[in-house]
């Protein structure tokens, strides 16, 4: 079902009193959260879609809240998932989680706080994930073959951007999606499909929950990979020690290929026809031109970069087609974990959270994932001073070799489409860095200078 296109006429019955208690606090608290998508714009209105009480004592409330902001503040608003605890006497260790002291409405006199920082409340969430069925406006599911242990000490992770996670002991991790959209989240859909294919490169969901109508994925529970090293951190350590990373890059290429092969078996594939490929090239060209107006440092490269997309359109006009399938969608070193045995796994299949969910679930040629990883090696190499381009080149080559070892196809034998996707990715990076990290802008600009040369 598509996203709503109009704001509900009024809050559901009973929600208005709760909103009276929480509205002034959430207007201040929400924009400060890293996962809040509407930064820089005021919240003009808040509405509550649903409320489910998960715990009575020191109330644990599950809320789906819509934040309305200009310029589209008459539309449906962005919908966020909140887990809020309220108490009359806040424990000192929860002071950093405070949302605010409630002064009006039915909860007046209590303190509201982010419940994912409270071990008692996150224990409630884990217990609910053990029990399939419906509770209020929520529906819980569980893989009957999965094991969910009890009496595990919970601790929240603080590194996420678009979601929040809680680790239980050293064996489980729960992920709570924050900005939620109607539809199955690919971070649940794709790991389930890969598990069905017997692919062990991705942790298998043990339990998950959604809205009671089944329309919106809200969160999931997976095995926690104890002792696994983040690919980005691992690459930086190798760079700091001036060690090569080619063995790891080759094995990571193999892991990527195995995931792509399993996804192509599990889910439908399509063929990019001439029209679709020409539309892809046109979209990339428009993104280039729009970004160049916002990032003037990009302007000298525009003529050369445009040839990357013209070459793709030319091949399409000659009748060349490509297979498209479900892919990771936001692949980079930080989305990869290597366990102590050296085995790589891919995580976080949510895609780029800023893009519409329907777009994130569309098939793409696997070149898009590959281009993302090639850019990630370049980013890692650029963090080293002096810059180490040979390290990046070696990793990029080894990654493609590993991909070819597992798939029988070397991505470098399809240079036009790979160049187009890598160029498009670097253009996105240039806009991001110009807006958020200007000191990093030379990283994508250096790549764009290279990509502007057809050879």
Protein backbone atom coordinates (compact mmCIF):
# COMPACT_ATOMS: atom_id res chain seq x y z
CA UNK A 1 0.00 0.00 0.00
CA UNK A 2 1.35 3.47 -0.83
CA UNK A 3 2.08 6.16 1.73
CA UNK A 4 -0.84 8.30 2.81
CA UNK A 5 -1.26 11.51 0.90
CA UNK A 6 -3.30 13.50 3.40
CA UNK A 7 -3.15 14.18 7.11
CA UNK A 8 -5.71 12.32 9.27
CA UNK A 9 -8.69 14.55 10.00
CA UNK A 10 -8.21 14.17 13.78
CA UNK A 11 -6.18 12.07 16.21
CA UNK A 12 -7.76 8.67 16.94
CA UNK A 13 -9.99 8.66 20.01
CA UNK A 14 -8.03 8.89 23.26
CA UNK A 15 -4.79 9.98 21.64
CA UNK A 16 -5.46 13.69 22.00
CA UNK A 17 -5.09 13.56 25.79
CA UNK A 18 -1.79 11.72 25.54
CA UNK A 19 -0.60 14.19 22.92
CA UNK A 20 -1.42 17.01 25.35
CA UNK A 21 1.15 15.54 27.73
CA UNK A 22 3.89 14.81 25.21
CA UNK A 23 3.53 17.40 22.43
CA UNK A 24 5.67 20.22 23.88
CA UNK A 25 8.41 17.79 24.90
CA UNK A 26 8.60 15.93 21.59
CA UNK A 27 8.77 19.17 19.58
CA UNK A 28 12.03 19.94 21.37
CA UNK A 29 13.40 16.41 21.65
CA UNK A 30 12.74 14.94 18.20
CA UNK A 31 14.88 17.38 16.15
CA UNK A 32 17.88 16.63 18.40
CA UNK A 33 17.85 12.92 17.56
CA UNK A 34 20.33 11.75 14.95
CA UNK A 35 17.68 9.68 13.19
CA UNK A 36 15.26 12.61 12.78
CA UNK A 37 14.96 13.28 9.05
CA UNK A 38 13.61 16.84 9.13
CA UNK A 39 16.51 18.71 10.69
CA UNK A 40 16.60 22.46 10.10
CA UNK A 41 12.83 22.79 9.78
CA UNK A 42 10.39 23.54 12.63
CA UNK A 43 7.76 21.03 13.68
CA UNK A 44 4.45 22.76 13.04
CA UNK A 45 2.23 19.95 14.33
CA UNK A 46 2.36 16.48 15.87
CA UNK A 47 -0.24 13.74 15.52
CA UNK A 48 -0.36 10.25 16.98
CA UNK A 49 -1.24 7.34 14.71
CA UNK A 50 -1.18 4.62 17.36
CA UNK A 51 -0.41 3.93 21.02
CA UNK A 52 0.30 0.50 22.50
CA UNK A 53 1.10 0.05 26.17
CA UNK A 54 3.77 -2.63 26.52
CA UNK A 55 4.16 -2.30 30.29
CA UNK A 56 1.86 -0.85 32.95
CA UNK A 57 4.30 -0.17 35.80
CA UNK A 58 6.57 2.75 34.88
CA UNK A 59 4.54 2.82 31.69
CA UNK A 60 6.26 1.67 28.51
CA UNK A 61 4.46 3.22 25.57
CA UNK A 62 4.94 2.34 21.94
CA UNK A 63 3.96 5.28 19.74
CA UNK A 64 3.77 5.98 16.04
CA UNK A 65 3.94 9.77 15.77
CA UNK A 66 3.76 12.01 12.71
CA UNK A 67 5.82 15.18 12.62
CA UNK A 68 4.47 17.83 10.26
CA UNK A 69 7.00 20.33 8.89
CA UNK A 70 7.12 22.95 6.14
CA UNK A 71 7.05 23.16 3.21
CA UNK A 72 4.72 20.15 3.08
CA UNK A 73 3.20 20.60 6.53
CA UNK A 74 -0.29 19.98 5.17
CA UNK A 75 0.76 16.52 3.95
CA UNK A 76 0.98 13.25 5.88
CA UNK A 77 4.16 14.14 7.76
CA UNK A 78 7.08 11.85 8.55
CA UNK A 79 6.09 8.94 10.80
CA UNK A 80 8.43 7.96 13.64
CA UNK A 81 8.47 5.01 16.00
CA UNK A 82 9.02 5.91 19.65
CA UNK A 83 9.40 3.80 22.78
CA UNK A 84 8.77 6.07 25.74
CA UNK A 85 8.93 5.31 29.42
CA UNK A 86 7.31 7.54 32.03
CA UNK A 87 8.05 7.53 35.74
CA UNK A 88 7.49 9.60 38.85
CA UNK A 89 11.03 8.99 40.08
CA UNK A 90 13.71 8.77 37.41
CA UNK A 91 16.73 6.59 38.18
CA UNK A 92 19.96 8.66 38.04
CA UNK A 93 21.52 6.48 35.32
CA UNK A 94 18.64 7.42 33.00
CA UNK A 95 19.31 11.16 33.15
CA UNK A 96 20.88 11.22 29.62
CA UNK A 97 17.70 9.59 28.25
CA UNK A 98 15.30 12.24 29.55
CA UNK A 99 12.80 13.64 27.06
CA UNK A 100 11.32 16.05 29.59
CA UNK A 101 9.15 16.61 32.66
CA UNK A 102 5.45 16.43 31.86
CA UNK A 103 3.48 19.36 33.19
CA UNK A 104 0.02 18.86 31.72
CA UNK A 105 -2.42 16.24 30.52
CA UNK A 106 -2.99 12.75 31.94
CA UNK A 107 0.74 12.14 32.57
CA UNK A 108 1.38 15.42 34.40
CA UNK A 109 3.95 15.10 37.15
CA UNK A 110 5.85 12.25 35.46
CA UNK A 111 9.12 12.30 33.54
CA UNK A 112 9.24 10.94 29.99
CA UNK A 113 12.41 9.26 28.80
CA UNK A 114 13.83 7.22 25.89
CA UNK A 115 12.97 3.68 26.97
CA UNK A 116 15.68 1.95 24.91
CA UNK A 117 18.20 3.21 27.51
CA UNK A 118 16.39 1.43 30.35
CA UNK A 119 17.32 -2.27 30.80
CA UNK A 120 13.95 -3.01 32.42
CA UNK A 121 12.10 -1.66 29.41
CA UNK A 122 14.31 -3.30 26.78
CA UNK A 123 13.75 -6.60 28.59
CA UNK A 124 10.04 -6.08 27.93
CA UNK A 125 10.74 -5.58 24.23
CA UNK A 126 12.76 -8.80 24.05
CA UNK A 127 10.04 -10.72 25.87
CA UNK A 128 7.44 -9.45 23.41
CA UNK A 129 9.62 -10.61 20.50
CA UNK A 130 9.55 -14.13 21.96
CA UNK A 131 5.74 -14.26 21.79
CA UNK A 132 4.07 -14.33 18.35
CA UNK A 133 0.72 -12.63 18.07
CA UNK A 134 -0.99 -9.26 18.26
CA UNK A 135 -0.74 -6.76 21.08
CA UNK A 136 -2.70 -3.55 20.62
CA UNK A 137 -1.63 -1.97 17.35
CA UNK A 138 1.40 -4.27 17.00
CA UNK A 139 1.89 -7.76 15.59
CA UNK A 140 4.90 -9.91 16.55
CA UNK A 141 6.40 -12.76 14.52
CA UNK A 142 9.03 -15.35 15.38
CA UNK A 143 11.04 -17.90 13.44
CA UNK A 144 10.05 -21.15 15.20
CA UNK A 145 13.50 -22.62 14.51
CA UNK A 146 15.35 -19.70 16.08
CA UNK A 147 16.63 -19.64 19.65
CA UNK A 148 15.98 -16.56 21.81
CA UNK A 149 17.76 -16.88 25.14
CA UNK A 150 16.57 -15.32 28.38
CA UNK A 151 18.30 -13.31 31.12
CA UNK A 152 20.56 -11.40 28.74
CA UNK A 153 21.94 -8.03 29.83
CA UNK A 154 20.79 -5.34 27.36
CA UNK A 155 22.87 -2.38 26.26
CA UNK A 156 21.94 0.24 23.65
CA UNK A 157 24.27 0.96 20.74
CA UNK A 158 24.99 4.60 20.01
CA UNK A 159 26.46 4.43 16.49
CA UNK A 160 23.35 4.19 14.30
CA UNK A 161 21.97 7.03 12.22
CA UNK A 162 18.59 5.92 10.89
CA UNK A 163 17.61 3.36 13.52
CA UNK A 164 18.32 2.34 17.12
CA UNK A 165 19.73 -0.97 18.29
CA UNK A 166 19.97 -2.85 21.57
CA UNK A 167 22.44 -5.70 22.12
CA UNK A 168 21.36 -8.48 24.50
CA UNK A 169 24.32 -10.19 26.13
CA UNK A 170 26.67 -11.24 23.38
CA UNK A 171 24.14 -13.20 21.34
CA UNK A 172 21.24 -11.03 20.12
CA UNK A 173 20.67 -7.58 18.64
CA UNK A 174 17.30 -5.85 18.24
CA UNK A 175 16.95 -3.11 15.64
CA UNK A 176 14.17 -0.53 15.99
CA UNK A 177 13.43 1.45 12.84
CA UNK A 178 12.75 5.10 13.58
CA UNK A 179 11.35 6.82 10.50
CA UNK A 180 8.93 4.19 9.25
CA UNK A 181 7.13 3.91 5.92
CA UNK A 182 4.35 1.59 4.73
CA UNK A 183 5.76 -1.58 3.20
CA UNK A 184 8.15 -4.38 4.11
CA UNK A 185 11.52 -3.00 5.09
CA UNK A 186 14.26 -4.57 2.93
CA UNK A 187 16.35 -5.06 6.08
CA UNK A 188 13.82 -7.74 6.98
CA UNK A 189 12.73 -8.85 3.52
CA UNK A 190 16.17 -9.58 2.06
CA UNK A 191 17.72 -11.43 5.03
CA UNK A 192 14.62 -13.64 5.20
CA UNK A 193 14.94 -14.39 1.48
CA UNK A 194 18.66 -15.14 1.87
CA UNK A 195 17.98 -17.45 4.82
CA UNK A 196 15.47 -19.35 2.69
CA UNK A 197 18.25 -19.85 0.12
CA UNK A 198 20.66 -21.09 2.79
CA UNK A 199 23.01 -18.11 2.37
CA UNK A 200 25.03 -17.71 5.57
CA UNK A 201 26.55 -14.36 4.58
CA UNK A 202 23.75 -12.46 6.36
CA UNK A 203 22.45 -12.91 9.93
CA UNK A 204 19.01 -14.55 9.87
CA UNK A 205 16.10 -12.67 11.55
CA UNK A 206 14.89 -14.56 14.60
CA UNK A 207 11.84 -12.38 15.27
CA UNK A 208 10.29 -9.17 14.01
CA UNK A 209 7.30 -6.92 14.55
CA UNK A 210 5.09 -4.70 12.45
CA UNK A 211 1.88 -2.71 12.61
CA UNK A 212 -1.15 -4.88 13.33
CA UNK A 213 -2.43 -4.37 9.79
CA UNK A 214 0.80 -5.89 8.47
CA UNK A 215 1.60 -2.80 6.40
CA UNK A 216 4.71 -1.43 8.10
CA UNK A 217 7.86 -3.17 9.39
CA UNK A 218 8.89 -1.71 12.75
CA UNK A 219 11.82 -3.79 14.00
CA UNK A 220 13.63 -7.11 14.07
CA UNK A 221 15.83 -9.37 16.19
CA UNK A 222 18.96 -11.04 14.80
CA UNK A 223 22.00 -12.92 16.09
CA UNK A 224 24.74 -10.62 17.34
CA UNK A 225 28.09 -11.36 15.74
CA UNK A 226 30.33 -11.33 18.82
CA UNK A 227 33.92 -10.44 18.10
CA UNK A 228 33.22 -9.40 14.50
CA UNK A 229 35.26 -6.50 13.12
CA UNK A 230 33.64 -3.65 11.22
CA UNK A 231 35.06 -3.52 7.69
CA UNK A 232 35.71 0.23 7.80
CA UNK A 233 37.55 0.07 11.13
CA UNK A 234 39.50 -2.95 9.94
CA UNK A 235 40.58 -1.18 6.75
CA UNK A 236 41.74 1.89 8.69
CA UNK A 237 43.80 -0.27 11.04
CA UNK A 238 45.54 -1.87 8.07
CA UNK A 239 46.22 1.55 6.59
CA UNK A 240 47.61 2.88 9.86
CA UNK A 241 50.00 -0.07 10.06
CA UNK A 242 50.80 0.31 6.35
CA UNK A 243 49.54 -3.21 5.74
CA UNK A 244 47.87 -4.43 2.58
CA UNK A 245 44.18 -5.33 2.60
CA UNK A 246 44.00 -7.36 -0.59
CA UNK A 247 43.19 -10.71 1.06
CA UNK A 248 40.30 -9.17 2.97
CA UNK A 249 39.12 -7.27 -0.12
CA UNK A 250 39.15 -10.42 -2.24
CA UNK A 251 37.14 -12.36 0.36
CA UNK A 252 34.73 -9.47 0.64
CA UNK A 253 34.24 -9.58 -3.13
CA UNK A 254 33.43 -13.27 -2.84
CA UNK A 255 30.92 -12.57 -0.06
CA UNK A 256 29.20 -9.88 -2.13
CA UNK A 257 28.90 -12.19 -5.12
CA UNK A 258 27.43 -15.00 -3.01
CA UNK A 259 24.80 -12.63 -1.64
CA UNK A 260 23.93 -11.36 -5.13
CA UNK A 261 23.66 -14.91 -6.50
CA UNK A 262 21.35 -15.95 -3.64
CA UNK A 263 19.17 -12.85 -4.04
CA UNK A 264 18.82 -13.51 -7.77
CA UNK A 265 17.61 -17.04 -6.96
CA UNK A 266 15.26 -15.97 -4.19
CA UNK A 267 13.54 -12.95 -5.74
CA UNK A 268 12.39 -11.94 -9.23
CA UNK A 269 14.88 -10.49 -11.69
CA UNK A 270 14.16 -8.18 -14.61
CA UNK A 271 15.94 -7.02 -17.75
CA UNK A 272 16.89 -3.40 -18.16
CA UNK A 273 15.58 -2.61 -21.62
CA UNK A 274 16.75 0.18 -23.87
CA UNK A 275 14.13 2.56 -22.50
CA UNK A 276 14.92 1.77 -18.86
CA UNK A 277 18.64 2.17 -19.36
CA UNK A 278 18.20 5.44 -21.21
CA UNK A 279 15.99 6.65 -18.36
CA UNK A 280 18.69 5.62 -15.89
CA UNK A 281 21.32 7.56 -17.82
CA UNK A 282 19.03 10.59 -18.02
CA UNK A 283 18.36 10.49 -14.27
CA UNK A 284 22.07 10.33 -13.53
CA UNK A 285 22.70 13.25 -15.89
CA UNK A 286 20.06 15.37 -14.19
CA UNK A 287 21.56 14.56 -10.80
CA UNK A 288 24.97 15.66 -12.07
CA UNK A 289 23.66 18.97 -13.37
CA UNK A 290 21.61 19.70 -10.26
CA UNK A 291 24.50 18.86 -7.95
CA UNK A 292 26.93 21.00 -9.94
CA UNK A 293 24.71 24.02 -9.31
CA UNK A 294 24.91 23.34 -5.57
CA UNK A 295 28.60 22.36 -5.47
CA UNK A 296 30.49 24.82 -7.71
CA UNK A 297 33.74 22.88 -7.27
CA UNK A 298 32.13 20.19 -9.42
CA UNK A 299 31.58 22.44 -12.44
CA UNK A 300 34.95 21.89 -14.18
CA UNK A 301 34.30 18.16 -14.30
CA UNK A 302 30.74 18.27 -15.66
CA UNK A 303 31.56 17.86 -19.39
CA UNK A 304 33.77 14.83 -18.77
CA UNK A 305 31.38 13.25 -16.26
CA UNK A 306 28.47 13.66 -18.64
CA UNK A 307 30.27 11.34 -21.07
CA UNK A 308 29.93 8.50 -18.54
CA UNK A 309 26.17 8.65 -18.86
CA UNK A 310 26.20 9.35 -22.60
CA UNK A 311 28.29 6.20 -23.11
CA UNK A 312 25.70 4.19 -21.16
CA UNK A 313 22.83 5.59 -23.24
CA UNK A 314 24.79 4.84 -26.42
CA UNK A 315 25.16 1.17 -25.47
CA UNK A 316 21.45 0.98 -24.72
CA UNK A 317 20.63 2.43 -28.12
CA UNK A 318 22.76 -0.30 -29.67
CA UNK A 319 20.53 -2.91 -28.03
CA UNK A 320 22.69 -3.90 -25.03
CA UNK A 321 20.68 -4.97 -21.98
CA UNK A 322 21.50 -5.76 -18.36
CA UNK A 323 19.96 -8.02 -15.75
CA UNK A 324 18.61 -6.28 -12.67
CA UNK A 325 17.84 -7.86 -9.32
CA UNK A 326 17.43 -7.05 -5.64
CA UNK A 327 20.71 -5.82 -4.18
CA UNK A 328 22.02 -4.48 -0.88
CA UNK A 329 21.46 -0.89 -2.01
CA UNK A 330 23.91 0.93 0.27
CA UNK A 331 27.00 -1.25 0.29
CA UNK A 332 30.25 0.01 1.79
CA UNK A 333 32.90 -1.19 4.21
CA UNK A 334 30.85 -0.14 7.23
CA UNK A 335 28.07 -2.55 6.20
CA UNK A 336 30.40 -5.55 6.37
CA UNK A 337 31.55 -7.56 9.38
CA UNK A 338 34.43 -10.04 9.49
CA UNK A 339 34.28 -12.68 12.21
CA UNK A 340 37.44 -13.92 13.97
CA UNK A 341 37.76 -16.79 11.47
CA UNK A 342 37.97 -14.29 8.57
CA UNK A 343 34.44 -14.97 7.27
CA UNK A 344 32.67 -11.85 5.95
CA UNK A 345 28.99 -11.07 6.45
CA UNK A 346 26.87 -8.24 5.07
CA UNK A 347 24.46 -6.31 7.29
CA UNK A 348 22.01 -3.39 7.14
CA UNK A 349 19.97 -4.07 4.00
CA UNK A 350 17.75 -1.07 4.68
CA UNK A 351 19.18 0.85 1.71
CA UNK A 352 19.62 4.62 1.70
CA UNK A 353 17.06 5.70 4.35
CA UNK A 354 16.49 9.11 2.74
CA UNK A 355 15.07 7.49 -0.39
CA UNK A 356 11.43 6.29 -0.66
CA UNK A 357 10.89 2.69 0.40
CA UNK A 358 9.46 1.71 -2.98
CA UNK A 359 12.62 2.98 -4.65
CA UNK A 360 14.83 1.05 -2.22
CA UNK A 361 12.99 -2.16 -3.08
CA UNK A 362 13.45 -1.82 -6.84
CA UNK A 363 15.77 -4.17 -8.77
CA UNK A 364 19.12 -2.79 -9.93
CA UNK A 365 22.10 -4.25 -11.76
CA UNK A 366 24.61 -5.58 -9.19
CA UNK A 367 27.06 -2.97 -10.53
CA UNK A 368 25.43 -0.47 -8.16
CA UNK A 369 26.56 -2.39 -5.05
CA UNK A 370 29.98 -3.02 -6.55
CA UNK A 371 30.46 0.67 -7.32
CA UNK A 372 29.56 1.53 -3.73
CA UNK A 373 32.24 -0.78 -2.39
CA UNK A 374 34.85 0.52 -4.83
CA UNK A 375 34.13 4.03 -3.62
CA UNK A 376 34.47 2.84 -0.02
CA UNK A 377 38.01 1.57 -0.62
CA UNK A 378 38.87 4.97 -2.06
CA UNK A 379 37.42 6.73 0.97
CA UNK A 380 39.44 4.56 3.33
CA UNK A 381 42.65 5.22 1.44
CA UNK A 382 42.01 8.97 1.53
CA UNK A 383 41.94 8.97 5.35
CA UNK A 384 45.62 8.04 5.33
CA UNK A 385 48.20 10.82 5.16
CA UNK A 386 49.89 10.93 2.80
CA UNK A 387 47.19 9.57 0.50
CA UNK A 388 47.83 5.98 -0.50
CA UNK A 389 46.25 5.49 -3.97
CA UNK A 390 48.13 2.23 -4.54
CA UNK A 391 46.39 0.72 -1.48
CA UNK A 392 42.99 1.64 -2.90
CA UNK A 393 43.86 0.36 -6.39
CA UNK A 394 45.01 -2.97 -4.98
CA UNK A 395 41.85 -3.38 -2.90
CA UNK A 396 39.57 -2.47 -5.80
CA UNK A 397 41.27 -5.00 -8.04
CA UNK A 398 41.25 -7.74 -5.39
CA UNK A 399 37.58 -7.14 -4.66
CA UNK A 400 36.69 -7.61 -8.34
CA UNK A 401 38.83 -10.76 -8.49
CA UNK A 402 37.03 -12.19 -5.48
CA UNK A 403 33.67 -11.34 -7.02
CA UNK A 404 34.71 -13.10 -10.22
CA UNK A 405 35.95 -16.16 -8.29
CA UNK A 406 32.46 -16.67 -6.80
CA UNK A 407 30.28 -15.55 -9.71
CA UNK A 408 32.31 -16.29 -12.83
CA UNK A 409 31.94 -12.65 -13.89
CA UNK A 410 34.49 -9.90 -13.36
CA UNK A 411 32.77 -6.51 -12.96
CA UNK A 412 35.65 -4.82 -14.78
CA UNK A 413 34.56 -6.51 -18.02
CA UNK A 414 31.53 -4.20 -18.01
CA UNK A 415 33.29 -0.85 -17.60
CA UNK A 416 30.61 1.47 -19.01
CA UNK A 417 27.85 0.60 -16.56
CA UNK A 418 30.32 0.31 -13.68
CA UNK A 419 31.75 3.75 -14.48
CA UNK A 420 28.26 5.25 -14.67
CA UNK A 421 27.29 3.89 -11.24
CA UNK A 422 30.59 4.88 -9.65
CA UNK A 423 30.28 8.38 -11.11
CA UNK A 424 26.72 8.72 -9.84
CA UNK A 425 27.82 7.57 -6.38
CA UNK A 426 30.70 10.07 -6.29
CA UNK A 427 28.32 12.86 -7.31
CA UNK A 428 26.07 11.95 -4.38
CA UNK A 429 29.12 11.96 -2.12
CA UNK A 430 30.16 15.42 -3.33
CA UNK A 431 26.77 16.86 -2.43
CA UNK A 432 26.79 15.17 0.97
CA UNK A 433 30.28 16.35 1.84
CA UNK A 434 29.61 19.90 0.67
CA UNK A 435 26.61 20.05 2.98
CA UNK A 436 27.88 18.16 6.01
CA UNK A 437 31.67 17.73 5.92
CA UNK A 438 33.31 20.33 3.67
CA UNK A 439 36.77 19.17 4.70
CA UNK A 440 36.01 15.83 3.04
CA UNK A 441 34.88 17.30 -0.27
CA UNK A 442 38.31 16.71 -1.90
CA UNK A 443 37.75 12.93 -1.54
CA UNK A 444 34.86 12.60 -4.04
CA UNK A 445 36.26 15.46 -6.16
CA UNK A 446 39.50 13.54 -6.70
CA UNK A 447 37.49 10.51 -7.82
CA UNK A 448 35.32 12.64 -10.08
CA UNK A 449 38.44 14.06 -11.69
CA UNK A 450 39.52 10.52 -12.51
CA UNK A 451 36.05 9.44 -13.65
CA UNK A 452 35.77 12.48 -15.94
CA UNK A 453 38.46 10.89 -18.09
CA UNK A 454 36.85 8.15 -20.23
CA UNK A 455 40.02 6.03 -20.30
